[in-house]
Amino acid sequence: MQRWARHRPGLAVTICTLLVFYSYHVIADLAGLLPGDKGFKRSVNCVVPLAILNAFVWQWWLQRTRGAAWTLYAWATGEVLLLTTVIYSGDGARSGLIPAMFVLVAASSLRCRALLVGYVTILTMLSYGFLWVHTALVRHQAVGALTGIPVLLAFALIGVVQFIALNYSSASFEATGEGLPRKISRGL
């Protein structure tokens, strides 16, 4: 995994994150900890393979386009939309999967493009905002401001931290196909 992460960090993190969250989903379902909502379970079982396919397709396209920036933006957009779909089909803004959105913001820094981090941060904030409004107005389930606002602030702060950190780096290792330098990849 470490070798794979060195050459394709975005793909490696995407697949690992999906495996971790899906494993949790399967274990929680088998233990009877998930609500009996078959629509949510069906959504997860459909979206996870789509998310894996999304990652492989965009990784392939990234190499084919020699690191074209728009490819990274399309990839990130697909990830956010797929995750939002799963959360929407479940408990909305009250979902235990909201932390996965934080992972998307943090992982966007692996593509070494500060503007991409800003884009993913804004996209996740908009997605969460949509889920928050939908949960409150359509589902009539309370998600108070004391819950929603700190979540939005946390997205913004994680994005700012990643953005600042990336301003100290100058090249997108994944986009250039060179992988991460050996010294950095050992820390992954």
Protein backbone atom coordinates (compact mmCIF):
# COMPACT_ATOMS: atom_id res chain seq x y z
CA MET A 1 0.00 0.00 0.00
CA GLN A 2 2.82 2.37 0.83
CA ARG A 3 4.37 1.86 -2.61
CA TRP A 4 1.01 2.42 -4.29
CA ALA A 5 0.44 5.57 -2.23
CA ARG A 6 3.82 6.89 -3.32
CA HIS A 7 2.84 6.82 -7.00
CA ARG A 8 -0.90 7.49 -6.80
CA PRO A 9 -1.69 9.05 -3.42
CA GLY A 10 -5.16 10.31 -4.39
CA LEU A 11 -6.26 6.90 -5.63
CA ALA A 12 -4.74 5.09 -2.64
CA VAL A 13 -6.42 7.36 -0.09
CA THR A 14 -9.76 7.15 -1.90
CA ILE A 15 -9.72 3.35 -1.98
CA CYS A 16 -8.52 3.06 1.64
CA THR A 17 -11.18 5.49 2.87
CA LEU A 18 -13.90 3.63 1.00
CA LEU A 19 -12.72 0.29 2.39
CA VAL A 20 -12.63 1.60 5.96
CA PHE A 21 -16.10 3.16 5.82
CA TYR A 22 -17.63 0.25 3.91
CA SER A 23 -16.12 -2.30 6.32
CA TYR A 24 -17.63 -0.33 9.18
CA HIS A 25 -20.98 -0.31 7.37
CA VAL A 26 -20.94 -4.09 6.83
CA ILE A 27 -19.90 -4.83 10.42
CA ALA A 28 -22.50 -2.44 11.86
CA ASP A 29 -25.17 -3.98 9.63
CA LEU A 30 -24.25 -7.54 10.62
CA ALA A 31 -24.27 -6.53 14.30
CA GLY A 32 -27.75 -5.05 13.87
CA LEU A 33 -26.58 -1.53 14.70
CA LEU A 34 -27.90 0.06 11.50
CA PRO A 35 -31.53 1.07 11.20
CA GLY A 36 -33.67 -1.23 9.08
CA ASP A 37 -33.81 1.29 6.21
CA LYS A 38 -33.17 -0.88 3.17
CA GLY A 39 -32.97 2.17 0.89
CA PHE A 40 -29.90 3.46 2.72
CA LYS A 41 -28.22 0.05 2.67
CA ARG A 42 -28.96 -0.30 -1.04
CA SER A 43 -27.59 3.19 -1.65
CA VAL A 44 -24.33 2.37 0.14
CA ASN A 45 -23.98 -0.90 -1.76
CA CYS A 46 -24.45 0.93 -5.07
CA VAL A 47 -22.40 4.04 -4.36
CA VAL A 48 -19.26 2.32 -3.00
CA PRO A 49 -18.55 0.46 -6.28
CA LEU A 50 -19.39 3.66 -8.19
CA ALA A 51 -16.94 5.61 -6.03
CA ILE A 52 -14.22 3.02 -6.67
CA LEU A 53 -14.95 3.17 -10.40
CA ASN A 54 -14.95 6.98 -10.22
CA ALA A 55 -11.48 6.91 -8.64
CA PHE A 56 -9.99 4.48 -11.15
CA VAL A 57 -11.50 6.25 -14.16
CA TRP A 58 -10.26 9.65 -13.09
CA GLN A 59 -6.81 8.29 -12.15
CA TRP A 60 -6.58 6.75 -15.62
CA TRP A 61 -7.77 9.98 -17.23
CA LEU A 62 -5.31 12.00 -15.14
CA GLN A 63 -2.44 9.98 -16.55
CA ARG A 64 -3.85 10.17 -20.07
CA THR A 65 -4.17 13.97 -19.90
CA ARG A 66 -0.71 14.28 -18.32
CA GLY A 67 -2.03 15.80 -15.13
CA ALA A 68 -4.60 18.24 -16.52
CA ALA A 69 -5.97 20.21 -13.58
CA TRP A 70 -9.59 19.90 -14.72
CA THR A 71 -9.30 16.12 -14.26
CA LEU A 72 -8.57 16.57 -10.56
CA TYR A 73 -11.54 18.93 -10.19
CA ALA A 74 -13.85 16.46 -11.94
CA TRP A 75 -12.57 13.63 -9.75
CA ALA A 76 -13.13 15.63 -6.56
CA THR A 77 -16.60 16.70 -7.72
CA GLY A 78 -17.55 13.06 -8.29
CA GLU A 79 -16.32 12.09 -4.83
CA VAL A 80 -18.28 14.84 -3.10
CA LEU A 81 -21.46 14.11 -5.08
CA LEU A 82 -21.29 10.38 -4.41
CA LEU A 83 -20.72 10.87 -0.69
CA THR A 84 -23.51 13.44 -0.53
CA THR A 85 -25.82 10.94 -2.24
CA VAL A 86 -25.14 8.31 0.42
CA ILE A 87 -25.58 10.77 3.27
CA TYR A 88 -28.78 12.11 1.68
CA SER A 89 -30.23 8.61 1.41
CA GLY A 90 -29.51 8.02 5.10
CA ASP A 91 -29.95 10.47 7.96
CA GLY A 92 -28.98 13.58 6.03
CA ALA A 93 -27.15 16.17 8.12
CA ARG A 94 -27.63 13.96 11.19
CA SER A 95 -25.63 11.12 9.56
CA GLY A 96 -22.65 9.47 11.15
CA LEU A 97 -20.99 9.69 7.73
CA ILE A 98 -20.48 13.46 7.90
CA PRO A 99 -16.86 12.91 9.10
CA ALA A 100 -16.14 11.32 5.71
CA MET A 101 -16.66 14.78 4.21
CA PHE A 102 -13.80 16.05 6.39
CA VAL A 103 -11.64 13.28 4.97
CA LEU A 104 -12.40 14.55 1.44
CA VAL A 105 -11.22 18.05 2.36
CA ALA A 106 -8.06 16.77 4.06
CA ALA A 107 -7.27 14.27 1.28
CA SER A 108 -7.60 16.92 -1.41
CA SER A 109 -4.24 18.27 -0.30
CA LEU A 110 -2.59 15.07 -1.61
CA ARG A 111 -3.14 16.39 -5.11
CA CYS A 112 -0.80 19.28 -4.20
CA ARG A 113 -3.00 22.01 -5.63
CA ALA A 114 -4.04 24.72 -3.19
CA LEU A 115 -6.93 25.89 -5.37
CA LEU A 116 -8.28 22.34 -5.49
CA VAL A 117 -8.32 22.29 -1.68
CA GLY A 118 -10.34 25.51 -1.73
CA TYR A 119 -12.71 24.05 -4.31
CA VAL A 120 -13.28 20.83 -2.34
CA THR A 121 -13.73 22.83 0.87
CA ILE A 122 -16.40 25.02 -0.71
CA LEU A 123 -18.08 22.05 -2.40
CA THR A 124 -18.30 20.08 0.87
CA MET A 125 -19.63 23.14 2.68
CA LEU A 126 -22.32 23.58 0.03
CA SER A 127 -23.16 19.87 0.17
CA TYR A 128 -23.42 19.91 3.94
CA GLY A 129 -25.48 23.11 3.77
CA PHE A 130 -27.86 21.40 1.35
CA LEU A 131 -28.11 18.35 3.64
CA TRP A 132 -28.67 20.60 6.67
CA VAL A 133 -31.50 22.55 5.01
CA HIS A 134 -33.08 19.41 3.54
CA THR A 135 -32.96 17.58 6.88
CA ALA A 136 -34.56 20.51 8.70
CA LEU A 137 -37.15 21.67 6.15
CA VAL A 138 -38.12 18.54 4.24
CA ARG A 139 -37.58 15.78 6.79
CA HIS A 140 -38.58 18.00 9.72
CA GLN A 141 -35.71 16.70 11.82
CA ALA A 142 -33.90 19.19 13.98
CA VAL A 143 -30.29 19.94 13.20
CA GLY A 144 -29.65 22.98 15.31
CA ALA A 145 -27.34 25.86 14.56
CA LEU A 146 -25.14 24.68 17.44
CA THR A 147 -24.48 21.54 15.40
CA GLY A 148 -24.53 22.82 11.82
CA ILE A 149 -22.44 25.96 12.17
CA PRO A 150 -19.48 24.26 13.92
CA VAL A 151 -19.47 21.61 11.18
CA LEU A 152 -19.30 24.31 8.50
CA LEU A 153 -16.59 26.15 10.43
CA ALA A 154 -14.59 22.92 10.78
CA PHE A 155 -14.76 22.37 7.00
CA ALA A 156 -13.50 25.90 6.45
CA LEU A 157 -10.70 25.57 9.01
CA ILE A 158 -9.47 22.23 7.67
CA GLY A 159 -9.49 23.72 4.18
CA VAL A 160 -7.54 26.79 5.31
CA VAL A 161 -4.95 24.66 7.11
CA GLN A 162 -4.49 22.43 4.04
CA PHE A 163 -4.38 25.47 1.74
CA ILE A 164 -1.66 27.14 3.84
CA ALA A 165 0.35 23.93 4.06
CA LEU A 166 0.23 23.51 0.28
CA ASN A 167 1.46 27.01 -0.34
CA TYR A 168 4.81 25.68 0.89
CA SER A 169 4.90 22.98 -1.79
CA SER A 170 5.40 23.73 -5.45
CA ALA A 171 4.64 20.64 -7.52
CA SER A 172 1.85 18.16 -7.91
CA PHE A 173 3.64 14.85 -7.60
CA GLU A 174 0.59 12.84 -8.57
CA ALA A 175 -0.21 14.94 -11.64
CA THR A 176 3.37 14.79 -12.94
CA GLY A 177 3.50 11.02 -12.54
CA GLU A 178 6.65 11.21 -10.45
CA GLY A 179 5.01 10.05 -7.24
CA LEU A 180 5.93 11.41 -3.85
CA PRO A 181 9.61 11.76 -3.00
CA ARG A 182 10.86 8.78 -1.03
CA LYS A 183 11.38 10.85 2.12
CA ILE A 184 7.72 11.99 2.15
CA SER A 185 6.21 8.66 1.10
CA ARG A 186 7.72 6.86 4.11
CA GLY A 187 5.48 8.96 6.34
CA LEU A 188 2.31 7.80 4.56
